[in-house]
Amino acid sequence: MNPPTENPSNLDLVLDVPVSLTIELGGCKLPMREVLQLCIGSVVQLDKAADAPIELNVNGKLIARGEVVVIEDRYGVKITEVVGSVAPA
């Protein structure tokens, strides 16, 4: 992880507010018939290419894109692009 950066003092009030971070790998649409047939070992093909960037959303808002990495026995995300930035007040 990168070292923390200095934040304006007015941000101190919200720095500990929990947010929901969602990593979107892809999706697909299936008829309910196929969903009900899913079982252990089933493979669901997603709508994104394997080399396409994944999206990171905070509370439903796109903030970055990245690529999947494996760290020991867990998945991680390497940020490759930050989408937009917060404009100073």
PDB file of N, CA and C in Angstrom:
ATOM      1  N   MET A   1       0.837  -1.178   0.000  1.00  0.00           N
ATOM      2  CA  MET A   1       0.000   0.000   0.000  1.00  0.00           C
ATOM      3  C   MET A   1       0.883   1.243   0.000  1.00  0.00           C
ATOM      4  N   ASN A   2       0.349   2.299  -0.538  1.00  0.00           N
ATOM      5  CA  ASN A   2       1.072   3.560  -0.554  1.00  0.00           C
ATOM      6  C   ASN A   2       0.976   4.223   0.800  1.00  0.00           C
ATOM      7  N   PRO A   3       1.994   5.025   1.181  1.00  0.00           N
ATOM      8  CA  PRO A   3       1.921   5.720   2.465  1.00  0.00           C
ATOM      9  C   PRO A   3       0.776   6.728   2.441  1.00  0.00           C
ATOM     10  N   PRO A   4       0.163   6.980   3.608  1.00  0.00           N
ATOM     11  CA  PRO A   4      -0.940   7.940   3.646  1.00  0.00           C
ATOM     12  C   PRO A   4      -0.461   9.331   3.253  1.00  0.00           C
ATOM     13  N   THR A   5      -1.341  10.071   2.615  1.00  0.00           N
ATOM     14  CA  THR A   5      -1.023  11.437   2.224  1.00  0.00           C
ATOM     15  C   THR A   5      -1.692  12.393   3.193  1.00  0.00           C
ATOM     16  N   GLU A   6      -1.202  13.600   3.228  1.00  0.00           N
ATOM     17  CA  GLU A   6      -1.791  14.621   4.092  1.00  0.00           C
ATOM     18  C   GLU A   6      -3.175  14.987   3.581  1.00  0.00           C
ATOM     19  N   ASN A   7      -4.148  15.095   4.494  1.00  0.00           N
ATOM     20  CA  ASN A   7      -5.508  15.461   4.130  1.00  0.00           C
ATOM     21  C   ASN A   7      -5.851  16.811   4.753  1.00  0.00           C
ATOM     22  N   PRO A   8      -6.623  17.627   4.045  1.00  0.00           N
ATOM     23  CA  PRO A   8      -7.083  18.875   4.656  1.00  0.00           C
ATOM     24  C   PRO A   8      -7.833  18.564   5.943  1.00  0.00           C
ATOM     25  N   SER A   9      -7.725  19.437   6.933  1.00  0.00           N
ATOM     26  CA  SER A   9      -8.321  19.178   8.248  1.00  0.00           C
ATOM     27  C   SER A   9      -9.833  19.011   8.183  1.00  0.00           C
ATOM     28  N   ASN A  10     -10.499  19.615   7.194  1.00  0.00           N
ATOM     29  CA  ASN A  10     -11.950  19.463   7.118  1.00  0.00           C
ATOM     30  C   ASN A  10     -12.369  18.067   6.673  1.00  0.00           C
ATOM     31  N   LEU A  11     -11.448  17.253   6.162  1.00  0.00           N
ATOM     32  CA  LEU A  11     -11.764  15.884   5.782  1.00  0.00           C
ATOM     33  C   LEU A  11     -11.688  14.926   6.969  1.00  0.00           C
ATOM     34  N   ASP A  12     -11.067  15.368   8.054  1.00  0.00           N
ATOM     35  CA  ASP A  12     -10.908  14.492   9.216  1.00  0.00           C
ATOM     36  C   ASP A  12     -12.242  13.944   9.712  1.00  0.00           C
ATOM     37  N   LEU A  13     -13.316  14.690   9.539  1.00  0.00           N
ATOM     38  CA  LEU A  13     -14.627  14.258  10.026  1.00  0.00           C
ATOM     39  C   LEU A  13     -15.158  13.049   9.283  1.00  0.00           C
ATOM     40  N   VAL A  14     -14.763  12.849   8.041  1.00  0.00           N
ATOM     41  CA  VAL A  14     -15.345  11.771   7.246  1.00  0.00           C
ATOM     42  C   VAL A  14     -14.367  10.636   6.929  1.00  0.00           C
ATOM     43  N   LEU A  15     -13.121  10.757   7.329  1.00  0.00           N
ATOM     44  CA  LEU A  15     -12.134   9.741   6.965  1.00  0.00           C
ATOM     45  C   LEU A  15     -12.424   8.363   7.543  1.00  0.00           C
ATOM     46  N   ASP A  16     -13.154   8.280   8.645  1.00  0.00           N
ATOM     47  CA  ASP A  16     -13.468   6.989   9.259  1.00  0.00           C
ATOM     48  C   ASP A  16     -14.875   6.492   8.928  1.00  0.00           C
ATOM     49  N   VAL A  17     -15.588   7.185   8.044  1.00  0.00           N
ATOM     50  CA  VAL A  17     -16.932   6.753   7.660  1.00  0.00           C
ATOM     51  C   VAL A  17     -16.810   5.531   6.750  1.00  0.00           C
ATOM     52  N   PRO A  18     -17.473   4.420   7.110  1.00  0.00           N
ATOM     53  CA  PRO A  18     -17.380   3.229   6.271  1.00  0.00           C
ATOM     54  C   PRO A  18     -18.112   3.423   4.934  1.00  0.00           C
ATOM     55  N   VAL A  19     -17.518   2.913   3.879  1.00  0.00           N
ATOM     56  CA  VAL A  19     -18.132   2.939   2.551  1.00  0.00           C
ATOM     57  C   VAL A  19     -18.084   1.525   1.990  1.00  0.00           C
ATOM     58  N   SER A  20     -18.885   1.286   0.977  1.00  0.00           N
ATOM     59  CA  SER A  20     -18.933  -0.028   0.349  1.00  0.00           C
ATOM     60  C   SER A  20     -18.080  -0.012  -0.913  1.00  0.00           C
ATOM     61  N   LEU A  21     -17.009  -0.804  -0.929  1.00  0.00           N
ATOM     62  CA  LEU A  21     -16.148  -0.929  -2.101  1.00  0.00           C
ATOM     63  C   LEU A  21     -16.530  -2.211  -2.828  1.00  0.00           C
ATOM     64  N   THR A  22     -16.897  -2.073  -4.098  1.00  0.00           N
ATOM     65  CA  THR A  22     -17.308  -3.210  -4.912  1.00  0.00           C
ATOM     66  C   THR A  22     -16.361  -3.341  -6.087  1.00  0.00           C
ATOM     67  N   ILE A  23     -15.889  -4.551  -6.334  1.00  0.00           N
ATOM     68  CA  ILE A  23     -15.041  -4.847  -7.473  1.00  0.00           C
ATOM     69  C   ILE A  23     -15.905  -5.589  -8.481  1.00  0.00           C
ATOM     70  N   GLU A  24     -16.056  -5.017  -9.679  1.00  0.00           N
ATOM     71  CA  GLU A  24     -16.912  -5.649 -10.677  1.00  0.00           C
ATOM     72  C   GLU A  24     -16.067  -6.331 -11.739  1.00  0.00           C
ATOM     73  N   LEU A  25     -16.127  -7.640 -11.739  1.00  0.00           N
ATOM     74  CA  LEU A  25     -15.365  -8.451 -12.676  1.00  0.00           C
ATOM     75  C   LEU A  25     -16.101  -8.599 -14.005  1.00  0.00           C
ATOM     76  N   GLY A  26     -17.403  -8.641 -13.959  1.00  0.00           N
ATOM     77  CA  GLY A  26     -18.218  -8.794 -15.163  1.00  0.00           C
ATOM     78  C   GLY A  26     -19.597  -9.271 -14.780  1.00  0.00           C
ATOM     79  N   GLY A  27     -20.409  -9.538 -15.756  1.00  0.00           N
ATOM     80  CA  GLY A  27     -21.771  -9.998 -15.498  1.00  0.00           C
ATOM     81  C   GLY A  27     -22.299 -10.721 -16.723  1.00  0.00           C
ATOM     82  N   CYS A  28     -23.527 -11.175 -16.618  1.00  0.00           N
ATOM     83  CA  CYS A  28     -24.192 -11.804 -17.749  1.00  0.00           C
ATOM     84  C   CYS A  28     -25.679 -11.862 -17.454  1.00  0.00           C
ATOM     85  N   LYS A  29     -26.452 -12.135 -18.481  1.00  0.00           N
ATOM     86  CA  LYS A  29     -27.889 -12.334 -18.319  1.00  0.00           C
ATOM     87  C   LYS A  29     -28.189 -13.783 -18.671  1.00  0.00           C
ATOM     88  N   LEU A  30     -28.915 -14.437 -17.773  1.00  0.00           N
ATOM     89  CA  LEU A  30     -29.298 -15.824 -17.985  1.00  0.00           C
ATOM     90  C   LEU A  30     -30.797 -15.963 -17.770  1.00  0.00           C
ATOM     91  N   PRO A  31     -31.438 -16.831 -18.522  1.00  0.00           N
ATOM     92  CA  PRO A  31     -32.835 -17.133 -18.222  1.00  0.00           C
ATOM     93  C   PRO A  31     -32.918 -17.884 -16.893  1.00  0.00           C
ATOM     94  N   MET A  32     -33.998 -17.716 -16.178  1.00  0.00           N
ATOM     95  CA  MET A  32     -34.172 -18.362 -14.880  1.00  0.00           C
ATOM     96  C   MET A  32     -33.972 -19.875 -14.995  1.00  0.00           C
ATOM     97  N   ARG A  33     -34.357 -20.475 -16.111  1.00  0.00           N
ATOM     98  CA  ARG A  33     -34.185 -21.914 -16.323  1.00  0.00           C
ATOM     99  C   ARG A  33     -32.713 -22.298 -16.142  1.00  0.00           C
ATOM    100  N   GLU A  34     -31.797 -21.493 -16.734  1.00  0.00           N
ATOM    101  CA  GLU A  34     -30.367 -21.793 -16.620  1.00  0.00           C
ATOM    102  C   GLU A  34     -29.843 -21.525 -15.214  1.00  0.00           C
ATOM    103  N   VAL A  35     -30.345 -20.476 -14.560  1.00  0.00           N
ATOM    104  CA  VAL A  35     -29.929 -20.180 -13.185  1.00  0.00           C
ATOM    105  C   VAL A  35     -30.283 -21.354 -12.278  1.00  0.00           C
ATOM    106  N   LEU A  36     -31.473 -21.904 -12.450  1.00  0.00           N
ATOM    107  CA  LEU A  36     -31.903 -23.021 -11.606  1.00  0.00           C
ATOM    108  C   LEU A  36     -31.110 -24.292 -11.874  1.00  0.00           C
ATOM    109  N   GLN A  37     -30.442 -24.364 -13.016  1.00  0.00           N
ATOM    110  CA  GLN A  37     -29.637 -25.544 -13.347  1.00  0.00           C
ATOM    111  C   GLN A  37     -28.190 -25.418 -12.876  1.00  0.00           C
ATOM    112  N   LEU A  38     -27.792 -24.268 -12.331  1.00  0.00           N
ATOM    113  CA  LEU A  38     -26.423 -24.094 -11.846  1.00  0.00           C
ATOM    114  C   LEU A  38     -26.162 -25.025 -10.673  1.00  0.00           C
ATOM    115  N   CYS A  39     -24.978 -25.602 -10.647  1.00  0.00           N
ATOM    116  CA  CYS A  39     -24.597 -26.491  -9.554  1.00  0.00           C
ATOM    117  C   CYS A  39     -23.079 -26.401  -9.371  1.00  0.00           C
ATOM    118  N   ILE A  40     -22.567 -27.120  -8.415  1.00  0.00           N
ATOM    119  CA  ILE A  40     -21.134 -27.142  -8.183  1.00  0.00           C
ATOM    120  C   ILE A  40     -20.433 -27.597  -9.459  1.00  0.00           C
ATOM    121  N   GLY A  41     -19.455 -26.833  -9.907  1.00  0.00           N
ATOM    122  CA  GLY A  41     -18.724 -27.166 -11.123  1.00  0.00           C
ATOM    123  C   GLY A  41     -19.243 -26.453 -12.356  1.00  0.00           C
ATOM    124  N   SER A  42     -20.424 -25.793 -12.253  1.00  0.00           N
ATOM    125  CA  SER A  42     -20.948 -25.038 -13.396  1.00  0.00           C
ATOM    126  C   SER A  42     -20.026 -23.865 -13.695  1.00  0.00           C
ATOM    127  N   VAL A  43     -19.921 -23.516 -14.958  1.00  0.00           N
ATOM    128  CA  VAL A  43     -19.119 -22.369 -15.381  1.00  0.00           C
ATOM    129  C   VAL A  43     -20.059 -21.344 -15.996  1.00  0.00           C
ATOM    130  N   VAL A  44     -19.967 -20.106 -15.527  1.00  0.00           N
ATOM    131  CA  VAL A  44     -20.791 -19.021 -16.048  1.00  0.00           C
ATOM    132  C   VAL A  44     -19.871 -18.087 -16.821  1.00  0.00           C
ATOM    133  N   GLN A  45     -20.146 -17.905 -18.098  1.00  0.00           N
ATOM    134  CA  GLN A  45     -19.325 -17.028 -18.930  1.00  0.00           C
ATOM    135  C   GLN A  45     -19.753 -15.579 -18.712  1.00  0.00           C
ATOM    136  N   LEU A  46     -18.779 -14.707 -18.430  1.00  0.00           N
ATOM    137  CA  LEU A  46     -19.062 -13.292 -18.193  1.00  0.00           C
ATOM    138  C   LEU A  46     -18.947 -12.508 -19.487  1.00  0.00           C
ATOM    139  N   ASP A  47     -19.462 -11.281 -19.447  1.00  0.00           N
ATOM    140  CA  ASP A  47     -19.499 -10.447 -20.649  1.00  0.00           C
ATOM    141  C   ASP A  47     -18.219  -9.656 -20.897  1.00  0.00           C
ATOM    142  N   LYS A  48     -17.190  -9.849 -20.102  1.00  0.00           N
ATOM    143  CA  LYS A  48     -15.929  -9.126 -20.294  1.00  0.00           C
ATOM    144  C   LYS A  48     -14.827 -10.080 -20.716  1.00  0.00           C
ATOM    145  N   ALA A  49     -13.914  -9.559 -21.529  1.00  0.00           N
ATOM    146  CA  ALA A  49     -12.751 -10.351 -21.928  1.00  0.00           C
ATOM    147  C   ALA A  49     -11.833 -10.530 -20.718  1.00  0.00           C
ATOM    148  N   ALA A  50     -11.067 -11.602 -20.710  1.00  0.00           N
ATOM    149  CA  ALA A  50     -10.185 -11.909 -19.582  1.00  0.00           C
ATOM    150  C   ALA A  50      -9.152 -10.806 -19.339  1.00  0.00           C
ATOM    151  N   ASP A  51      -8.750 -10.085 -20.399  1.00  0.00           N
ATOM    152  CA  ASP A  51      -7.743  -9.035 -20.221  1.00  0.00           C
ATOM    153  C   ASP A  51      -8.351  -7.639 -20.057  1.00  0.00           C
ATOM    154  N   ALA A  52      -9.664  -7.548 -19.986  1.00  0.00           N
ATOM    155  CA  ALA A  52     -10.324  -6.243 -19.807  1.00  0.00           C
ATOM    156  C   ALA A  52     -10.144  -5.768 -18.364  1.00  0.00           C
ATOM    157  N   PRO A  53     -10.021  -4.456 -18.152  1.00  0.00           N
ATOM    158  CA  PRO A  53      -9.877  -3.959 -16.780  1.00  0.00           C
ATOM    159  C   PRO A  53     -11.152  -4.191 -15.970  1.00  0.00           C
ATOM    160  N   ILE A  54     -10.975  -4.416 -14.674  1.00  0.00           N
ATOM    161  CA  ILE A  54     -12.126  -4.534 -13.792  1.00  0.00           C
ATOM    162  C   ILE A  54     -12.411  -3.167 -13.188  1.00  0.00           C
ATOM    163  N   GLU A  55     -13.620  -2.986 -12.672  1.00  0.00           N
ATOM    164  CA  GLU A  55     -14.021  -1.684 -12.154  1.00  0.00           C
ATOM    165  C   GLU A  55     -14.153  -1.717 -10.641  1.00  0.00           C
ATOM    166  N   LEU A  56     -13.682  -0.638  -9.996  1.00  0.00           N
ATOM    167  CA  LEU A  56     -13.808  -0.469  -8.556  1.00  0.00           C
ATOM    168  C   LEU A  56     -14.814   0.641  -8.318  1.00  0.00           C
ATOM    169  N   ASN A  57     -15.858   0.327  -7.553  1.00  0.00           N
ATOM    170  CA  ASN A  57     -16.909   1.294  -7.256  1.00  0.00           C
ATOM    171  C   ASN A  57     -16.975   1.531  -5.754  1.00  0.00           C
ATOM    172  N   VAL A  58     -17.140   2.785  -5.351  1.00  0.00           N
ATOM    173  CA  VAL A  58     -17.385   3.124  -3.956  1.00  0.00           C
ATOM    174  C   VAL A  58     -18.807   3.650  -3.878  1.00  0.00           C
ATOM    175  N   ASN A  59     -19.626   2.962  -3.088  1.00  0.00           N
ATOM    176  CA  ASN A  59     -21.047   3.305  -2.965  1.00  0.00           C
ATOM    177  C   ASN A  59     -21.697   3.463  -4.337  1.00  0.00           C
ATOM    178  N   GLY A  60     -21.346   2.588  -5.268  1.00  0.00           N
ATOM    179  CA  GLY A  60     -21.963   2.586  -6.581  1.00  0.00           C
ATOM    180  C   GLY A  60     -21.358   3.536  -7.591  1.00  0.00           C
ATOM    181  N   LYS A  61     -20.350   4.317  -7.200  1.00  0.00           N
ATOM    182  CA  LYS A  61     -19.733   5.275  -8.112  1.00  0.00           C
ATOM    183  C   LYS A  61     -18.357   4.756  -8.551  1.00  0.00           C
ATOM    184  N   LEU A  62     -18.143   4.719  -9.862  1.00  0.00           N
ATOM    185  CA  LEU A  62     -16.866   4.256 -10.410  1.00  0.00           C
ATOM    186  C   LEU A  62     -15.748   5.195  -9.971  1.00  0.00           C
ATOM    187  N   ILE A  63     -14.710   4.632  -9.342  1.00  0.00           N
ATOM    188  CA  ILE A  63     -13.579   5.462  -8.904  1.00  0.00           C
ATOM    189  C   ILE A  63     -12.260   5.050  -9.541  1.00  0.00           C
ATOM    190  N   ALA A  64     -12.162   3.783  -9.988  1.00  0.00           N
ATOM    191  CA  ALA A  64     -10.892   3.323 -10.544  1.00  0.00           C
ATOM    192  C   ALA A  64     -11.108   2.063 -11.373  1.00  0.00           C
ATOM    193  N   ARG A  65     -10.074   1.728 -12.134  1.00  0.00           N
ATOM    194  CA  ARG A  65     -10.036   0.473 -12.886  1.00  0.00           C
ATOM    195  C   ARG A  65      -8.724  -0.231 -12.532  1.00  0.00           C
ATOM    196  N   GLY A  66      -8.702  -1.526 -12.695  1.00  0.00           N
ATOM    197  CA  GLY A  66      -7.489  -2.254 -12.351  1.00  0.00           C
ATOM    198  C   GLY A  66      -7.468  -3.634 -12.951  1.00  0.00           C
ATOM    199  N   GLU A  67      -6.510  -4.415 -12.496  1.00  0.00           N
ATOM    200  CA  GLU A  67      -6.375  -5.787 -12.968  1.00  0.00           C
ATOM    201  C   GLU A  67      -6.280  -6.725 -11.773  1.00  0.00           C
ATOM    202  N   VAL A  68      -6.795  -7.927 -11.957  1.00  0.00           N
ATOM    203  CA  VAL A  68      -6.789  -8.927 -10.890  1.00  0.00           C
ATOM    204  C   VAL A  68      -5.373  -9.457 -10.719  1.00  0.00           C
ATOM    205  N   VAL A  69      -4.947  -9.580  -9.463  1.00  0.00           N
ATOM    206  CA  VAL A  69      -3.661 -10.187  -9.128  1.00  0.00           C
ATOM    207  C   VAL A  69      -3.905 -11.235  -8.041  1.00  0.00           C
ATOM    208  N   VAL A  70      -2.974 -12.150  -7.904  1.00  0.00           N
ATOM    209  CA  VAL A  70      -3.059 -13.143  -6.842  1.00  0.00           C
ATOM    210  C   VAL A  70      -1.924 -12.867  -5.869  1.00  0.00           C
ATOM    211  N   ILE A  71      -2.286 -12.729  -4.590  1.00  0.00           N
ATOM    212  CA  ILE A  71      -1.322 -12.472  -3.531  1.00  0.00           C
ATOM    213  C   ILE A  71      -1.416 -13.649  -2.562  1.00  0.00           C
ATOM    214  N   GLU A  72      -0.381 -14.489  -2.585  1.00  0.00           N
ATOM    215  CA  GLU A  72      -0.392 -15.744  -1.832  1.00  0.00           C
ATOM    216  C   GLU A  72      -1.623 -16.544  -2.243  1.00  0.00           C
ATOM    217  N   ASP A  73      -2.594 -16.737  -1.342  1.00  0.00           N
ATOM    218  CA  ASP A  73      -3.771 -17.534  -1.697  1.00  0.00           C
ATOM    219  C   ASP A  73      -5.037 -16.683  -1.793  1.00  0.00           C
ATOM    220  N   ARG A  74      -4.871 -15.383  -2.036  1.00  0.00           N
ATOM    221  CA  ARG A  74      -6.031 -14.473  -2.117  1.00  0.00           C
ATOM    222  C   ARG A  74      -5.958 -13.636  -3.387  1.00  0.00           C
ATOM    223  N   TYR A  75      -7.121 -13.186  -3.818  1.00  0.00           N
ATOM    224  CA  TYR A  75      -7.179 -12.263  -4.949  1.00  0.00           C
ATOM    225  C   TYR A  75      -6.945 -10.846  -4.457  1.00  0.00           C
ATOM    226  N   GLY A  76      -6.429 -10.011  -5.341  1.00  0.00           N
ATOM    227  CA  GLY A  76      -6.263  -8.591  -5.074  1.00  0.00           C
ATOM    228  C   GLY A  76      -6.509  -7.833  -6.362  1.00  0.00           C
ATOM    229  N   VAL A  77      -6.439  -6.521  -6.285  1.00  0.00           N
ATOM    230  CA  VAL A  77      -6.617  -5.677  -7.466  1.00  0.00           C
ATOM    231  C   VAL A  77      -5.487  -4.674  -7.515  1.00  0.00           C
ATOM    232  N   LYS A  78      -4.803  -4.621  -8.647  1.00  0.00           N
ATOM    233  CA  LYS A  78      -3.764  -3.616  -8.883  1.00  0.00           C
ATOM    234  C   LYS A  78      -4.430  -2.465  -9.631  1.00  0.00           C
ATOM    235  N   ILE A  79      -4.421  -1.280  -9.038  1.00  0.00           N
ATOM    236  CA  ILE A  79      -5.053  -0.104  -9.645  1.00  0.00           C
ATOM    237  C   ILE A  79      -4.210   0.335 -10.843  1.00  0.00           C
ATOM    238  N   THR A  80      -4.858   0.458 -11.997  1.00  0.00           N
ATOM    239  CA  THR A  80      -4.170   0.899 -13.211  1.00  0.00           C
ATOM    240  C   THR A  80      -4.650   2.268 -13.679  1.00  0.00           C
ATOM    241  N   GLU A  81      -5.814   2.691 -13.192  1.00  0.00           N
ATOM    242  CA  GLU A  81      -6.371   3.989 -13.596  1.00  0.00           C
ATOM    243  C   GLU A  81      -7.290   4.498 -12.494  1.00  0.00           C
ATOM    244  N   VAL A  82      -7.131   5.759 -12.121  1.00  0.00           N
ATOM    245  CA  VAL A  82      -8.036   6.408 -11.196  1.00  0.00           C
ATOM    246  C   VAL A  82      -8.956   7.286 -12.038  1.00  0.00           C
ATOM    247  N   VAL A  83     -10.261   7.136 -11.837  1.00  0.00           N
ATOM    248  CA  VAL A  83     -11.245   7.844 -12.646  1.00  0.00           C
ATOM    249  C   VAL A  83     -11.637   9.132 -11.942  1.00  0.00           C
ATOM    250  N   GLY A  84     -11.293  10.275 -12.536  1.00  0.00           N
ATOM    251  CA  GLY A  84     -11.656  11.566 -11.954  1.00  0.00           C
ATOM    252  C   GLY A  84     -10.948  11.817 -10.642  1.00  0.00           C
ATOM    253  N   SER A  85     -11.205  12.965 -10.082  1.00  0.00           N
ATOM    254  CA  SER A  85     -10.635  13.312  -8.793  1.00  0.00           C
ATOM    255  C   SER A  85     -11.565  14.295  -8.091  1.00  0.00           C
ATOM    256  N   VAL A  86     -11.369  14.447  -6.810  1.00  0.00           N
ATOM    257  CA  VAL A  86     -12.175  15.381  -6.029  1.00  0.00           C
ATOM    258  C   VAL A  86     -11.592  16.768  -6.198  1.00  0.00           C
ATOM    259  N   ALA A  87     -12.393  17.705  -6.669  1.00  0.00           N
ATOM    260  CA  ALA A  87     -11.931  19.073  -6.850  1.00  0.00           C
ATOM    261  C   ALA A  87     -11.850  19.785  -5.516  1.00  0.00           C
ATOM    262  N   PRO A  88     -10.803  20.588  -5.281  1.00  0.00           N
ATOM    263  CA  PRO A  88     -10.699  21.313  -4.011  1.00  0.00           C
ATOM    264  C   PRO A  88     -11.826  22.322  -3.880  1.00  0.00           C
ATOM    265  N   ALA A  89     -12.282  22.502  -2.647  1.00  0.00           N
ATOM    266  CA  ALA A  89     -13.396  23.442  -2.386  1.00  0.00           C
ATOM    267  C   ALA A  89     -12.936  24.866  -2.362  1.00  0.00           C
TER     268      ALA A  89
END
